[in-house]
Amino acid sequence: RALSDVAIKLYEGELAVLLGPSGSGKSTLLNILGGLD
Protein backbone atom coordinates (compact mmCIF):
# COMPACT_ATOMS: atom_id res chain seq x y z
CA ARG A 1 0.00 0.00 0.00
CA ALA A 2 2.00 2.97 -1.30
CA LEU A 3 -0.70 5.57 -0.54
CA SER A 4 -3.59 5.37 1.91
CA ASP A 5 -6.52 7.80 1.72
CA VAL A 6 -4.41 10.90 0.95
CA ALA A 7 -6.23 14.25 0.77
CA ILE A 8 -4.33 17.44 -0.08
CA LYS A 9 -4.63 20.61 -2.14
CA LEU A 10 -1.88 22.36 -4.09
CA TYR A 11 -2.35 25.94 -5.23
CA GLU A 12 -1.47 28.07 -8.23
CA GLY A 13 1.95 29.68 -7.90
CA GLU A 14 2.82 27.65 -4.81
CA LEU A 15 6.17 26.06 -4.07
CA ALA A 16 5.44 22.98 -1.97
CA VAL A 17 7.96 20.58 -0.45
CA LEU A 18 6.98 16.93 0.10
CA LEU A 19 9.18 15.66 2.91
CA GLY A 20 9.62 12.15 4.23
CA PRO A 21 11.78 9.01 4.17
CA SER A 22 12.12 6.69 1.21
CA GLY A 23 9.04 4.54 0.76
CA SER A 24 6.69 7.01 2.44
CA GLY A 25 4.59 7.62 -0.70
CA LYS A 26 6.00 10.92 -1.97
CA SER A 27 7.05 9.71 -5.43
CA THR A 28 3.88 7.69 -5.91
CA LEU A 29 1.78 10.79 -5.26
CA LEU A 30 3.90 12.90 -7.60
CA ASN A 31 3.67 10.28 -10.34
CA ILE A 32 -0.12 10.21 -10.07
CA LEU A 33 -0.33 14.02 -10.10
CA GLY A 34 1.86 14.05 -13.20
CA GLY A 35 -0.08 11.37 -15.04
CA LEU A 36 2.78 8.86 -14.95
CA ASP A 37 0.84 6.43 -12.76
PDB file of all heavy atoms in Angstrom:
ATOM      1  N   ARG A   1       0.863  -1.181   0.000  1.00  0.00           N
ATOM      2  CA  ARG A   1       0.000   0.000   0.000  1.00  0.00           C
ATOM      3  C   ARG A   1       0.901   1.233   0.000  1.00  0.00           C
ATOM      4  O   ARG A   1       1.421   1.654   1.037  1.00  0.00           O
ATOM      5  CB  ARG A   1      -0.914  -0.029   1.220  1.00  0.00           C
ATOM      6  CG  ARG A   1      -1.966   1.069   1.241  1.00  0.00           C
ATOM      7  CD  ARG A   1      -2.951   0.834   2.376  1.00  0.00           C
ATOM      8  NE  ARG A   1      -3.815  -0.310   2.106  1.00  0.00           N
ATOM      9  CZ  ARG A   1      -5.046  -0.196   1.616  1.00  0.00           C
ATOM     10  NH1 ARG A   1      -5.546   0.989   1.316  1.00  0.00           N
ATOM     11  NH2 ARG A   1      -5.766  -1.286   1.403  1.00  0.00           N
ATOM     12  N   ALA A   2       1.094   1.826  -1.163  1.00  0.00           N
ATOM     13  CA  ALA A   2       1.997   2.972  -1.299  1.00  0.00           C
ATOM     14  C   ALA A   2       1.356   4.262  -0.814  1.00  0.00           C
ATOM     15  O   ALA A   2       2.040   5.141  -0.274  1.00  0.00           O
ATOM     16  CB  ALA A   2       2.441   3.126  -2.748  1.00  0.00           C
ATOM     17  N   LEU A   3       0.051   4.406  -1.021  1.00  0.00           N
ATOM     18  CA  LEU A   3      -0.698   5.568  -0.543  1.00  0.00           C
ATOM     19  C   LEU A   3      -1.988   5.090   0.105  1.00  0.00           C
ATOM     20  O   LEU A   3      -2.622   4.157  -0.393  1.00  0.00           O
ATOM     21  CB  LEU A   3      -1.040   6.533  -1.690  1.00  0.00           C
ATOM     22  CG  LEU A   3       0.105   7.272  -2.372  1.00  0.00           C
ATOM     23  CD1 LEU A   3      -0.416   8.048  -3.590  1.00  0.00           C
ATOM     24  CD2 LEU A   3       0.807   8.219  -1.406  1.00  0.00           C
ATOM     25  N   SER A   4      -2.379   5.759   1.193  1.00  0.00           N
ATOM     26  CA  SER A   4      -3.593   5.370   1.907  1.00  0.00           C
ATOM     27  C   SER A   4      -4.437   6.594   2.209  1.00  0.00           C
ATOM     28  O   SER A   4      -4.104   7.407   3.081  1.00  0.00           O
ATOM     29  CB  SER A   4      -3.252   4.656   3.227  1.00  0.00           C
ATOM     30  OG  SER A   4      -2.560   3.446   2.992  1.00  0.00           O
ATOM     31  N   ASP A   5      -5.502   6.779   1.426  1.00  0.00           N
ATOM     32  CA  ASP A   5      -6.515   7.802   1.720  1.00  0.00           C
ATOM     33  C   ASP A   5      -5.907   9.196   1.862  1.00  0.00           C
ATOM     34  O   ASP A   5      -6.196   9.926   2.803  1.00  0.00           O
ATOM     35  CB  ASP A   5      -7.277   7.418   2.984  1.00  0.00           C
ATOM     36  CG  ASP A   5      -8.598   8.166   3.111  1.00  0.00           C
ATOM     37  OD1 ASP A   5      -9.175   8.530   2.069  1.00  0.00           O
ATOM     38  OD2 ASP A   5      -9.038   8.405   4.256  1.00  0.00           O
ATOM     39  N   VAL A   6      -5.065   9.588   0.902  1.00  0.00           N
ATOM     40  CA  VAL A   6      -4.411  10.898   0.947  1.00  0.00           C
ATOM     41  C   VAL A   6      -5.365  11.974   0.448  1.00  0.00           C
ATOM     42  O   VAL A   6      -6.052  11.803  -0.562  1.00  0.00           O
ATOM     43  CB  VAL A   6      -3.123  10.890   0.081  1.00  0.00           C
ATOM     44  CG1 VAL A   6      -2.557  12.299  -0.080  1.00  0.00           C
ATOM     45  CG2 VAL A   6      -2.090   9.972   0.707  1.00  0.00           C
ATOM     46  N   ALA A   7      -5.414  13.095   1.167  1.00  0.00           N
ATOM     47  CA  ALA A   7      -6.228  14.249   0.773  1.00  0.00           C
ATOM     48  C   ALA A   7      -5.390  15.515   0.951  1.00  0.00           C
ATOM     49  O   ALA A   7      -5.023  15.853   2.078  1.00  0.00           O
ATOM     50  CB  ALA A   7      -7.495  14.319   1.608  1.00  0.00           C
ATOM     51  N   ILE A   8      -5.078  16.191  -0.149  1.00  0.00           N
ATOM     52  CA  ILE A   8      -4.332  17.443  -0.083  1.00  0.00           C
ATOM     53  C   ILE A   8      -4.816  18.380  -1.184  1.00  0.00           C
ATOM     54  O   ILE A   8      -5.504  17.969  -2.119  1.00  0.00           O
ATOM     55  CB  ILE A   8      -2.808  17.238  -0.247  1.00  0.00           C
ATOM     56  CG1 ILE A   8      -2.474  16.714  -1.647  1.00  0.00           C
ATOM     57  CG2 ILE A   8      -2.243  16.328   0.824  1.00  0.00           C
ATOM     58  CD1 ILE A   8      -0.992  16.724  -1.945  1.00  0.00           C
ATOM     59  N   LYS A   9      -4.431  19.636  -1.070  1.00  0.00           N
ATOM     60  CA  LYS A   9      -4.634  20.609  -2.138  1.00  0.00           C
ATOM     61  C   LYS A   9      -3.305  21.308  -2.409  1.00  0.00           C
ATOM     62  O   LYS A   9      -2.552  21.601  -1.479  1.00  0.00           O
ATOM     63  CB  LYS A   9      -5.695  21.644  -1.760  1.00  0.00           C
ATOM     64  CG  LYS A   9      -7.099  21.088  -1.702  1.00  0.00           C
ATOM     65  CD  LYS A   9      -8.113  22.161  -1.332  1.00  0.00           C
ATOM     66  CE  LYS A   9      -9.532  21.571  -1.284  1.00  0.00           C
ATOM     67  NZ  LYS A   9     -10.528  22.590  -0.883  1.00  0.00           N
ATOM     68  N   LEU A  10      -3.031  21.562  -3.686  1.00  0.00           N
ATOM     69  CA  LEU A  10      -1.882  22.363  -4.094  1.00  0.00           C
ATOM     70  C   LEU A  10      -2.404  23.546  -4.895  1.00  0.00           C
ATOM     71  O   LEU A  10      -3.336  23.392  -5.706  1.00  0.00           O
ATOM     72  CB  LEU A  10      -0.912  21.538  -4.938  1.00  0.00           C
ATOM     73  CG  LEU A  10      -0.248  20.349  -4.248  1.00  0.00           C
ATOM     74  CD1 LEU A  10       0.564  19.525  -5.256  1.00  0.00           C
ATOM     75  CD2 LEU A  10       0.658  20.812  -3.120  1.00  0.00           C
ATOM     76  N   TYR A  11      -1.799  24.712  -4.685  1.00  0.00           N
ATOM     77  CA  TYR A  11      -2.350  25.941  -5.231  1.00  0.00           C
ATOM     78  C   TYR A  11      -1.509  26.530  -6.361  1.00  0.00           C
ATOM     79  O   TYR A  11      -0.308  26.252  -6.483  1.00  0.00           O
ATOM     80  CB  TYR A  11      -2.480  26.979  -4.117  1.00  0.00           C
ATOM     81  CG  TYR A  11      -3.460  26.583  -3.049  1.00  0.00           C
ATOM     82  CD1 TYR A  11      -3.016  26.064  -1.831  1.00  0.00           C
ATOM     83  CD2 TYR A  11      -4.823  26.703  -3.253  1.00  0.00           C
ATOM     84  CE1 TYR A  11      -3.916  25.680  -0.851  1.00  0.00           C
ATOM     85  CE2 TYR A  11      -5.733  26.325  -2.273  1.00  0.00           C
ATOM     86  CZ  TYR A  11      -5.273  25.816  -1.074  1.00  0.00           C
ATOM     87  OH  TYR A  11      -6.165  25.437  -0.110  1.00  0.00           O
ATOM     88  N   GLU A  12      -2.167  27.356  -7.169  1.00  0.00           N
ATOM     89  CA  GLU A  12      -1.469  28.071  -8.232  1.00  0.00           C
ATOM     90  C   GLU A  12      -0.316  28.881  -7.641  1.00  0.00           C
ATOM     91  O   GLU A  12      -0.466  29.537  -6.603  1.00  0.00           O
ATOM     92  CB  GLU A  12      -2.420  29.037  -8.941  1.00  0.00           C
ATOM     93  CG  GLU A  12      -3.420  28.379  -9.864  1.00  0.00           C
ATOM     94  CD  GLU A  12      -4.244  29.416 -10.605  1.00  0.00           C
ATOM     95  OE1 GLU A  12      -4.125  30.614 -10.300  1.00  0.00           O
ATOM     96  OE2 GLU A  12      -5.024  29.010 -11.495  1.00  0.00           O
ATOM     97  N   GLY A  13       0.827  28.849  -8.307  1.00  0.00           N
ATOM     98  CA  GLY A  13       1.953  29.684  -7.903  1.00  0.00           C
ATOM     99  C   GLY A  13       2.658  29.236  -6.645  1.00  0.00           C
ATOM    100  O   GLY A  13       3.605  29.886  -6.200  1.00  0.00           O
ATOM    101  N   GLU A  14       2.251  28.118  -6.067  1.00  0.00           N
ATOM    102  CA  GLU A  14       2.820  27.650  -4.810  1.00  0.00           C
ATOM    103  C   GLU A  14       4.085  26.850  -5.045  1.00  0.00           C
ATOM    104  O   GLU A  14       4.214  26.124  -6.032  1.00  0.00           O
ATOM    105  CB  GLU A  14       1.784  26.777  -4.098  1.00  0.00           C
ATOM    106  CG  GLU A  14       2.252  26.183  -2.781  1.00  0.00           C
ATOM    107  CD  GLU A  14       1.142  25.448  -2.049  1.00  0.00           C
ATOM    108  OE1 GLU A  14       0.335  24.753  -2.701  1.00  0.00           O
ATOM    109  OE2 GLU A  14       1.082  25.576  -0.817  1.00  0.00           O
ATOM    110  N   LEU A  15       5.031  26.976  -4.119  1.00  0.00           N
ATOM    111  CA  LEU A  15       6.168  26.063  -4.067  1.00  0.00           C
ATOM    112  C   LEU A  15       5.973  25.198  -2.833  1.00  0.00           C
ATOM    113  O   LEU A  15       6.021  25.681  -1.707  1.00  0.00           O
ATOM    114  CB  LEU A  15       7.496  26.825  -3.991  1.00  0.00           C
ATOM    115  CG  LEU A  15       8.757  25.991  -4.312  1.00  0.00           C
ATOM    116  CD1 LEU A  15       9.923  26.911  -4.656  1.00  0.00           C
ATOM    117  CD2 LEU A  15       9.163  25.075  -3.165  1.00  0.00           C
ATOM    118  N   ALA A  16       5.700  23.921  -3.064  1.00  0.00           N
ATOM    119  CA  ALA A  16       5.443  22.979  -1.973  1.00  0.00           C
ATOM    120  C   ALA A  16       6.578  21.976  -1.897  1.00  0.00           C
ATOM    121  O   ALA A  16       7.104  21.540  -2.916  1.00  0.00           O
ATOM    122  CB  ALA A  16       4.117  22.251  -2.201  1.00  0.00           C
ATOM    123  N   VAL A  17       6.959  21.621  -0.675  1.00  0.00           N
ATOM    124  CA  VAL A  17       7.955  20.575  -0.448  1.00  0.00           C
ATOM    125  C   VAL A  17       7.257  19.372   0.161  1.00  0.00           C
ATOM    126  O   VAL A  17       6.485  19.503   1.120  1.00  0.00           O
ATOM    127  CB  VAL A  17       9.098  21.071   0.455  1.00  0.00           C
ATOM    128  CG1 VAL A  17       9.891  19.905   1.032  1.00  0.00           C
ATOM    129  CG2 VAL A  17      10.034  21.989  -0.327  1.00  0.00           C
ATOM    130  N   LEU A  18       7.505  18.195  -0.416  1.00  0.00           N
ATOM    131  CA  LEU A  18       6.983  16.931   0.100  1.00  0.00           C
ATOM    132  C   LEU A  18       8.141  16.223   0.784  1.00  0.00           C
ATOM    133  O   LEU A  18       9.104  15.815   0.130  1.00  0.00           O
ATOM    134  CB  LEU A  18       6.423  16.074  -1.037  1.00  0.00           C
ATOM    135  CG  LEU A  18       5.043  16.428  -1.606  1.00  0.00           C
ATOM    136  CD1 LEU A  18       4.981  17.861  -2.111  1.00  0.00           C
ATOM    137  CD2 LEU A  18       4.666  15.464  -2.732  1.00  0.00           C
ATOM    138  N   LEU A  19       8.048  16.108   2.107  1.00  0.00           N
ATOM    139  CA  LEU A  19       9.177  15.662   2.912  1.00  0.00           C
ATOM    140  C   LEU A  19       8.864  14.340   3.595  1.00  0.00           C
ATOM    141  O   LEU A  19       7.790  14.164   4.168  1.00  0.00           O
ATOM    142  CB  LEU A  19       9.491  16.733   3.970  1.00  0.00           C
ATOM    143  CG  LEU A  19      10.678  16.497   4.889  1.00  0.00           C
ATOM    144  CD1 LEU A  19      11.983  16.479   4.109  1.00  0.00           C
ATOM    145  CD2 LEU A  19      10.719  17.592   5.958  1.00  0.00           C
ATOM    146  N   GLY A  20       9.813  13.424   3.549  1.00  0.00           N
ATOM    147  CA  GLY A  20       9.625  12.148   4.233  1.00  0.00           C
ATOM    148  C   GLY A  20      10.663  11.141   3.790  1.00  0.00           C
ATOM    149  O   GLY A  20      11.371  11.342   2.799  1.00  0.00           O
ATOM    150  N   PRO A  21      10.783  10.034   4.509  1.00  0.00           N
ATOM    151  CA  PRO A  21      11.780   9.013   4.171  1.00  0.00           C
ATOM    152  C   PRO A  21      11.423   8.273   2.895  1.00  0.00           C
ATOM    153  O   PRO A  21      10.291   8.348   2.401  1.00  0.00           O
ATOM    154  CB  PRO A  21      11.735   8.076   5.386  1.00  0.00           C
ATOM    155  CG  PRO A  21      10.351   8.234   5.923  1.00  0.00           C
ATOM    156  CD  PRO A  21       9.976   9.669   5.690  1.00  0.00           C
ATOM    157  N   SER A  22      12.382   7.531   2.367  1.00  0.00           N
ATOM    158  CA  SER A  22      12.121   6.686   1.206  1.00  0.00           C
ATOM    159  C   SER A  22      11.020   5.692   1.531  1.00  0.00           C
ATOM    160  O   SER A  22      10.952   5.154   2.642  1.00  0.00           O
ATOM    161  CB  SER A  22      13.392   5.925   0.810  1.00  0.00           C
ATOM    162  OG  SER A  22      14.410   6.824   0.421  1.00  0.00           O
ATOM    163  N   GLY A  23      10.128   5.480   0.565  1.00  0.00           N
ATOM    164  CA  GLY A  23       9.041   4.539   0.759  1.00  0.00           C
ATOM    165  C   GLY A  23       7.830   5.100   1.470  1.00  0.00           C
ATOM    166  O   GLY A  23       6.897   4.353   1.793  1.00  0.00           O
ATOM    167  N   SER A  24       7.806   6.417   1.693  1.00  0.00           N
ATOM    168  CA  SER A  24       6.687   7.006   2.436  1.00  0.00           C
ATOM    169  C   SER A  24       5.532   7.434   1.541  1.00  0.00           C
ATOM    170  O   SER A  24       4.501   7.890   2.037  1.00  0.00           O
ATOM    171  CB  SER A  24       7.164   8.201   3.274  1.00  0.00           C
ATOM    172  OG  SER A  24       7.745   9.199   2.448  1.00  0.00           O
ATOM    173  N   GLY A  25       5.698   7.316   0.215  1.00  0.00           N
ATOM    174  CA  GLY A  25       4.587   7.616  -0.697  1.00  0.00           C
ATOM    175  C   GLY A  25       4.743   8.881  -1.507  1.00  0.00           C
ATOM    176  O   GLY A  25       3.893   9.185  -2.359  1.00  0.00           O
ATOM    177  N   LYS A  26       5.826   9.622  -1.302  1.00  0.00           N
ATOM    178  CA  LYS A  26       6.002  10.919  -1.975  1.00  0.00           C
ATOM    179  C   LYS A  26       6.038  10.769  -3.502  1.00  0.00           C
ATOM    180  O   LYS A  26       5.319  11.457  -4.218  1.00  0.00           O
ATOM    181  CB  LYS A  26       7.290  11.608  -1.506  1.00  0.00           C
ATOM    182  CG  LYS A  26       7.448  11.740  -0.015  1.00  0.00           C
ATOM    183  CD  LYS A  26       8.718  12.473   0.358  1.00  0.00           C
ATOM    184  CE  LYS A  26       9.998  11.889  -0.194  1.00  0.00           C
ATOM    185  NZ  LYS A  26      10.293  10.508   0.301  1.00  0.00           N
ATOM    186  N   SER A  27       6.892   9.864  -3.979  1.00  0.00           N
ATOM    187  CA  SER A  27       7.053   9.705  -5.428  1.00  0.00           C
ATOM    188  C   SER A  27       5.790   9.134  -6.064  1.00  0.00           C
ATOM    189  O   SER A  27       5.420   9.520  -7.184  1.00  0.00           O
ATOM    190  CB  SER A  27       8.249   8.804  -5.741  1.00  0.00           C
ATOM    191  OG  SER A  27       9.459   9.419  -5.371  1.00  0.00           O
ATOM    192  N   THR A  28       5.122   8.247  -5.375  1.00  0.00           N
ATOM    193  CA  THR A  28       3.876   7.691  -5.908  1.00  0.00           C
ATOM    194  C   THR A  28       2.848   8.791  -6.105  1.00  0.00           C
ATOM    195  O   THR A  28       2.182   8.857  -7.144  1.00  0.00           O
ATOM    196  CB  THR A  28       3.323   6.599  -4.967  1.00  0.00           C
ATOM    197  OG1 THR A  28       4.293   5.568  -4.826  1.00  0.00           O
ATOM    198  CG2 THR A  28       2.033   6.014  -5.525  1.00  0.00           C
ATOM    199  N   LEU A  29       2.717   9.674  -5.124  1.00  0.00           N
ATOM    200  CA  LEU A  29       1.780  10.786  -5.261  1.00  0.00           C
ATOM    201  C   LEU A  29       2.172  11.674  -6.435  1.00  0.00           C
ATOM    202  O   LEU A  29       1.330  12.041  -7.260  1.00  0.00           O
ATOM    203  CB  LEU A  29       1.735  11.611  -3.966  1.00  0.00           C
ATOM    204  CG  LEU A  29       0.871  12.881  -4.054  1.00  0.00           C
ATOM    205  CD1 LEU A  29      -0.585  12.529  -4.334  1.00  0.00           C
ATOM    206  CD2 LEU A  29       0.991  13.704  -2.785  1.00  0.00           C
ATOM    207  N   LEU A  30       3.455  12.019  -6.525  1.00  0.00           N
ATOM    208  CA  LEU A  30       3.901  12.898  -7.603  1.00  0.00           C
ATOM    209  C   LEU A  30       3.648  12.264  -8.975  1.00  0.00           C
ATOM    210  O   LEU A  30       3.231  12.939  -9.919  1.00  0.00           O
ATOM    211  CB  LEU A  30       5.386  13.217  -7.432  1.00  0.00           C
ATOM    212  CG  LEU A  30       5.815  14.609  -7.913  1.00  0.00           C
ATOM    213  CD1 LEU A  30       5.279  15.677  -6.970  1.00  0.00           C
ATOM    214  CD2 LEU A  30       7.331  14.716  -7.985  1.00  0.00           C
ATOM    215  N   ASN A  31       3.891  10.963  -9.070  1.00  0.00           N
ATOM    216  CA  ASN A  31       3.674  10.281 -10.344  1.00  0.00           C
ATOM    217  C   ASN A  31       2.203  10.268 -10.748  1.00  0.00           C
ATOM    218  O   ASN A  31       1.870  10.372 -11.936  1.00  0.00           O
ATOM    219  CB  ASN A  31       4.202   8.849 -10.273  1.00  0.00           C
ATOM    220  CG  ASN A  31       5.715   8.787 -10.269  1.00  0.00           C
ATOM    221  OD1 ASN A  31       6.392   9.728 -10.678  1.00  0.00           O
ATOM    222  ND2 ASN A  31       6.259   7.680  -9.791  1.00  0.00           N
ATOM    223  N   ILE A  32       1.318  10.170  -9.768  1.00  0.00           N
ATOM    224  CA  ILE A  32      -0.118  10.214 -10.073  1.00  0.00           C
ATOM    225  C   ILE A  32      -0.527  11.633 -10.455  1.00  0.00           C
ATOM    226  O   ILE A  32      -1.282  11.837 -11.422  1.00  0.00           O
ATOM    227  CB  ILE A  32      -0.947   9.677  -8.891  1.00  0.00           C
ATOM    228  CG1 ILE A  32      -0.685   8.170  -8.707  1.00  0.00           C
ATOM    229  CG2 ILE A  32      -2.441   9.917  -9.116  1.00  0.00           C
ATOM    230  CD1 ILE A  32      -1.316   7.570  -7.463  1.00  0.00           C
ATOM    231  N   LEU A  33      -0.032  12.631  -9.737  1.00  0.00           N
ATOM    232  CA  LEU A  33      -0.331  14.019 -10.100  1.00  0.00           C
ATOM    233  C   LEU A  33       0.139  14.333 -11.511  1.00  0.00           C
ATOM    234  O   LEU A  33      -0.509  15.089 -12.248  1.00  0.00           O
ATOM    235  CB  LEU A  33       0.347  14.990  -9.119  1.00  0.00           C
ATOM    236  CG  LEU A  33      -0.120  14.981  -7.667  1.00  0.00           C
ATOM    237  CD1 LEU A  33       0.646  16.033  -6.862  1.00  0.00           C
ATOM    238  CD2 LEU A  33      -1.620  15.234  -7.563  1.00  0.00           C
ATOM    239  N   GLY A  34       1.287  13.760 -11.891  1.00  0.00           N
ATOM    240  CA  GLY A  34       1.855  14.051 -13.200  1.00  0.00           C
ATOM    241  C   GLY A  34       1.347  13.163 -14.314  1.00  0.00           C
ATOM    242  O   GLY A  34       1.763  13.313 -15.469  1.00  0.00           O
ATOM    243  N   GLY A  35       0.457  12.235 -14.013  1.00  0.00           N
ATOM    244  CA  GLY A  35      -0.084  11.370 -15.044  1.00  0.00           C
ATOM    245  C   GLY A  35       0.843  10.261 -15.473  1.00  0.00           C
ATOM    246  O   GLY A  35       0.652   9.646 -16.528  1.00  0.00           O
ATOM    247  N   LEU A  36       1.868   9.957 -14.650  1.00  0.00           N
ATOM    248  CA  LEU A  36       2.777   8.857 -14.950  1.00  0.00           C
ATOM    249  C   LEU A  36       2.300   7.540 -14.355  1.00  0.00           C
ATOM    250  O   LEU A  36       2.786   6.473 -14.727  1.00  0.00           O
ATOM    251  CB  LEU A  36       4.180   9.169 -14.407  1.00  0.00           C
ATOM    252  CG  LEU A  36       4.930  10.320 -15.067  1.00  0.00           C
ATOM    253  CD1 LEU A  36       6.216  10.610 -14.305  1.00  0.00           C
ATOM    254  CD2 LEU A  36       5.228  10.004 -16.521  1.00  0.00           C
ATOM    255  N   ASP A  37       1.371   7.615 -13.406  1.00  0.00           N
ATOM    256  CA  ASP A  37       0.838   6.428 -12.758  1.00  0.00           C
ATOM    257  C   ASP A  37      -0.641   6.661 -12.505  1.00  0.00           C
ATOM    258  O   ASP A  37      -1.133   7.806 -12.601  1.00  0.00           O
ATOM    259  CB  ASP A  37       1.587   6.163 -11.439  1.00  0.00           C
ATOM    260  CG  ASP A  37       1.442   4.721 -10.945  1.00  0.00           C
ATOM    261  OD1 ASP A  37       0.698   3.942 -11.575  1.00  0.00           O
ATOM    262  OD2 ASP A  37       2.085   4.382  -9.932  1.00  0.00           O
TER     263      ASP A  37
END
